[in-house]
Amino acid sequence: MKTFKQTYKTIIYKDLNSKQKENYNFHKVASALANYGFNSMRLNDDWQGADFIAVHIDGNNMLKVQIKGRFTMAKKYIGKNIYVAFIENEIVKIYIHDNAINMMPDNIKNSKSWVNNGL
């Protein structure tokens, strides 16, 4: 009888299509949050800017999480109490979006991209 590792091979992320990458990223981020006592539930649409919600085992804390391909700040997330997660070098990174906005340097605040596109 073959073992699991003999039957299935580790995937190559870059070979996945966009929907498969989205699913992969959700499960990687949800797994990281599980280490801190969060149960993650995927949403069918971007509810209040979130791809999924994560509820803590204490029953008192809920995170609204948006998954991105890289560190991102966007005007459309301001004031929505959104956490942004991305994976870099196989490490899940999560930050509070509005905290990042509050640390934004003036050169970015005045950039064409931020002023015109909100990104």
C-alpha atoms as a PDB file:
ATOM      1  CA  MET A   1       0.000   0.000   0.000  1.00  0.00           C
ATOM      2  CA  LYS A   2       1.308   3.431  -0.958  1.00  0.00           C
ATOM      3  CA  THR A   3       1.723   6.136   1.641  1.00  0.00           C
ATOM      4  CA  PHE A   4       0.057   9.534   1.271  1.00  0.00           C
ATOM      5  CA  LYS A   5       3.341  11.131   0.142  1.00  0.00           C
ATOM      6  CA  GLN A   6       3.841   8.383  -2.430  1.00  0.00           C
ATOM      7  CA  THR A   7       0.331   8.894  -3.800  1.00  0.00           C
ATOM      8  CA  TYR A   8       0.201  12.723  -3.776  1.00  0.00           C
ATOM      9  CA  LYS A   9       2.907  15.199  -4.663  1.00  0.00           C
ATOM     10  CA  THR A  10       3.356  18.687  -3.293  1.00  0.00           C
ATOM     11  CA  ILE A  11       1.815  21.203  -5.672  1.00  0.00           C
ATOM     12  CA  ILE A  12       3.729  23.941  -7.437  1.00  0.00           C
ATOM     13  CA  TYR A  13       1.943  27.192  -6.628  1.00  0.00           C
ATOM     14  CA  LYS A  14       2.801  28.950  -9.884  1.00  0.00           C
ATOM     15  CA  ASP A  15       1.161  26.108 -11.824  1.00  0.00           C
ATOM     16  CA  LEU A  16      -2.230  26.703 -10.189  1.00  0.00           C
ATOM     17  CA  ASN A  17      -4.949  28.721 -11.903  1.00  0.00           C
ATOM     18  CA  SER A  18      -6.277  31.859 -10.195  1.00  0.00           C
ATOM     19  CA  LYS A  19      -9.189  30.115  -8.423  1.00  0.00           C
ATOM     20  CA  GLN A  20      -6.886  27.352  -7.181  1.00  0.00           C
ATOM     21  CA  LYS A  21      -4.433  29.966  -5.879  1.00  0.00           C
ATOM     22  CA  GLU A  22      -7.279  31.725  -4.077  1.00  0.00           C
ATOM     23  CA  ASN A  23      -8.325  28.455  -2.403  1.00  0.00           C
ATOM     24  CA  TYR A  24      -4.728  27.577  -1.522  1.00  0.00           C
ATOM     25  CA  ASN A  25      -4.117  31.000   0.023  1.00  0.00           C
ATOM     26  CA  PHE A  26      -7.320  30.832   2.077  1.00  0.00           C
ATOM     27  CA  HIS A  27      -6.358  27.486   3.559  1.00  0.00           C
ATOM     28  CA  LYS A  28      -2.788  28.583   4.311  1.00  0.00           C
ATOM     29  CA  VAL A  29      -3.974  31.757   6.080  1.00  0.00           C
ATOM     30  CA  ALA A  30      -6.775  29.910   7.901  1.00  0.00           C
ATOM     31  CA  SER A  31      -4.252  27.336   9.086  1.00  0.00           C
ATOM     32  CA  ALA A  32      -1.989  30.064  10.476  1.00  0.00           C
ATOM     33  CA  LEU A  33      -4.923  31.693  12.280  1.00  0.00           C
ATOM     34  CA  ALA A  34      -5.970  28.310  13.729  1.00  0.00           C
ATOM     35  CA  ASN A  35      -2.683  28.328  15.664  1.00  0.00           C
ATOM     36  CA  TYR A  36      -4.054  31.374  17.520  1.00  0.00           C
ATOM     37  CA  GLY A  37      -7.489  29.910  18.212  1.00  0.00           C
ATOM     38  CA  PHE A  38      -9.406  31.169  15.183  1.00  0.00           C
ATOM     39  CA  ASN A  39     -11.932  29.213  13.133  1.00  0.00           C
ATOM     40  CA  SER A  40     -12.109  30.624   9.605  1.00  0.00           C
ATOM     41  CA  MET A  41     -15.199  30.695   7.410  1.00  0.00           C
ATOM     42  CA  ARG A  42     -14.967  31.553   3.739  1.00  0.00           C
ATOM     43  CA  LEU A  43     -17.494  34.012   2.348  1.00  0.00           C
ATOM     44  CA  ASN A  44     -19.159  33.719  -1.050  1.00  0.00           C
ATOM     45  CA  ASP A  45     -18.708  37.425  -1.677  1.00  0.00           C
ATOM     46  CA  ASP A  46     -16.546  40.190  -0.246  1.00  0.00           C
ATOM     47  CA  TRP A  47     -18.720  40.991   2.775  1.00  0.00           C
ATOM     48  CA  GLN A  48     -17.680  44.418   4.082  1.00  0.00           C
ATOM     49  CA  GLY A  49     -14.441  44.015   2.151  1.00  0.00           C
ATOM     50  CA  ALA A  50     -13.560  40.606   3.629  1.00  0.00           C
ATOM     51  CA  ASP A  51     -12.838  37.338   1.826  1.00  0.00           C
ATOM     52  CA  PHE A  52     -13.452  35.431   5.038  1.00  0.00           C
ATOM     53  CA  ILE A  53     -14.152  35.873   8.713  1.00  0.00           C
ATOM     54  CA  ALA A  54     -12.175  34.275  11.522  1.00  0.00           C
ATOM     55  CA  VAL A  55     -13.881  33.792  14.882  1.00  0.00           C
ATOM     56  CA  HIS A  56     -11.783  33.278  18.004  1.00  0.00           C
ATOM     57  CA  ILE A  57     -12.515  30.407  20.402  1.00  0.00           C
ATOM     58  CA  ASP A  58     -13.209  32.964  23.143  1.00  0.00           C
ATOM     59  CA  GLY A  59     -16.417  33.841  21.283  1.00  0.00           C
ATOM     60  CA  ASN A  60     -15.677  37.554  21.600  1.00  0.00           C
ATOM     61  CA  ASN A  61     -13.333  38.330  18.741  1.00  0.00           C
ATOM     62  CA  MET A  62     -13.959  38.191  15.012  1.00  0.00           C
ATOM     63  CA  LEU A  63     -11.572  39.233  12.259  1.00  0.00           C
ATOM     64  CA  LYS A  64     -12.628  40.316   8.779  1.00  0.00           C
ATOM     65  CA  VAL A  65      -9.782  39.201   6.524  1.00  0.00           C
ATOM     66  CA  GLN A  66      -8.952  40.191   2.961  1.00  0.00           C
ATOM     67  CA  ILE A  67      -6.350  38.017   1.221  1.00  0.00           C
ATOM     68  CA  LYS A  68      -3.965  39.710  -1.192  1.00  0.00           C
ATOM     69  CA  GLY A  69      -0.992  38.592  -3.246  1.00  0.00           C
ATOM     70  CA  ARG A  70       1.295  41.130  -1.566  1.00  0.00           C
ATOM     71  CA  PHE A  71       1.319  43.953   0.993  1.00  0.00           C
ATOM     72  CA  THR A  72      -1.560  46.212  -0.023  1.00  0.00           C
ATOM     73  CA  MET A  73      -3.173  49.445   1.115  1.00  0.00           C
ATOM     74  CA  ALA A  74      -6.390  50.628  -0.516  1.00  0.00           C
ATOM     75  CA  LYS A  75      -8.743  53.519   0.200  1.00  0.00           C
ATOM     76  CA  LYS A  76     -11.735  51.213  -0.214  1.00  0.00           C
ATOM     77  CA  TYR A  77     -10.752  49.330   2.977  1.00  0.00           C
ATOM     78  CA  ILE A  78     -10.336  52.398   5.195  1.00  0.00           C
ATOM     79  CA  GLY A  79     -12.633  52.332   8.202  1.00  0.00           C
ATOM     80  CA  LYS A  80     -13.840  48.771   7.573  1.00  0.00           C
ATOM     81  CA  ASN A  81     -11.803  47.144  10.364  1.00  0.00           C
ATOM     82  CA  ILE A  82     -10.126  44.846   7.834  1.00  0.00           C
ATOM     83  CA  TYR A  83      -7.110  42.629   8.379  1.00  0.00           C
ATOM     84  CA  VAL A  84      -5.059  42.018   5.253  1.00  0.00           C
ATOM     85  CA  ALA A  85      -3.194  38.742   4.825  1.00  0.00           C
ATOM     86  CA  PHE A  86      -0.643  37.711   2.239  1.00  0.00           C
ATOM     87  CA  ILE A  87       1.961  35.000   1.871  1.00  0.00           C
ATOM     88  CA  GLU A  88       5.564  35.946   1.259  1.00  0.00           C
ATOM     89  CA  ASN A  89       8.327  33.355   1.032  1.00  0.00           C
ATOM     90  CA  GLU A  90       5.855  30.776   2.381  1.00  0.00           C
ATOM     91  CA  ILE A  91       5.253  32.890   5.515  1.00  0.00           C
ATOM     92  CA  VAL A  92       1.719  34.107   6.251  1.00  0.00           C
ATOM     93  CA  LYS A  93       1.718  37.799   7.120  1.00  0.00           C
ATOM     94  CA  ILE A  94      -1.297  39.602   8.565  1.00  0.00           C
ATOM     95  CA  TYR A  95      -1.742  43.269   9.463  1.00  0.00           C
ATOM     96  CA  ILE A  96      -4.518  45.652  10.405  1.00  0.00           C
ATOM     97  CA  HIS A  97      -5.152  47.697   7.276  1.00  0.00           C
ATOM     98  CA  ASP A  98      -5.932  51.012   8.980  1.00  0.00           C
ATOM     99  CA  ASN A  99      -2.815  50.756  11.173  1.00  0.00           C
ATOM    100  CA  ALA A 100      -0.748  50.496   7.978  1.00  0.00           C
ATOM    101  CA  ILE A 101      -2.589  53.513   6.542  1.00  0.00           C
ATOM    102  CA  ASN A 102      -1.765  55.518   9.674  1.00  0.00           C
ATOM    103  CA  MET A 103       1.948  54.764   9.151  1.00  0.00           C
ATOM    104  CA  MET A 104       1.905  55.682   5.464  1.00  0.00           C
ATOM    105  CA  PRO A 105       4.692  58.155   4.617  1.00  0.00           C
ATOM    106  CA  ASP A 106       3.869  61.430   2.882  1.00  0.00           C
ATOM    107  CA  ASN A 107       5.543  60.426  -0.382  1.00  0.00           C
ATOM    108  CA  ILE A 108       3.023  57.578  -0.745  1.00  0.00           C
ATOM    109  CA  LYS A 109       0.069  59.700   0.407  1.00  0.00           C
ATOM    110  CA  ASN A 110       0.965  62.176  -2.332  1.00  0.00           C
ATOM    111  CA  SER A 111       1.734  59.594  -4.998  1.00  0.00           C
ATOM    112  CA  LYS A 112      -0.251  59.503  -8.238  1.00  0.00           C
ATOM    113  CA  SER A 113      -1.280  55.897  -7.508  1.00  0.00           C
ATOM    114  CA  TRP A 114      -2.753  56.757  -4.101  1.00  0.00           C
ATOM    115  CA  VAL A 115      -4.348  60.076  -5.088  1.00  0.00           C
ATOM    116  CA  ASN A 116      -5.851  58.892  -8.390  1.00  0.00           C
ATOM    117  CA  ASN A 117      -6.436  55.168  -7.838  1.00  0.00           C
ATOM    118  CA  GLY A 118      -6.591  54.779  -4.067  1.00  0.00           C
ATOM    119  CA  LEU A 119      -3.916  52.083  -4.115  1.00  0.00           C
END
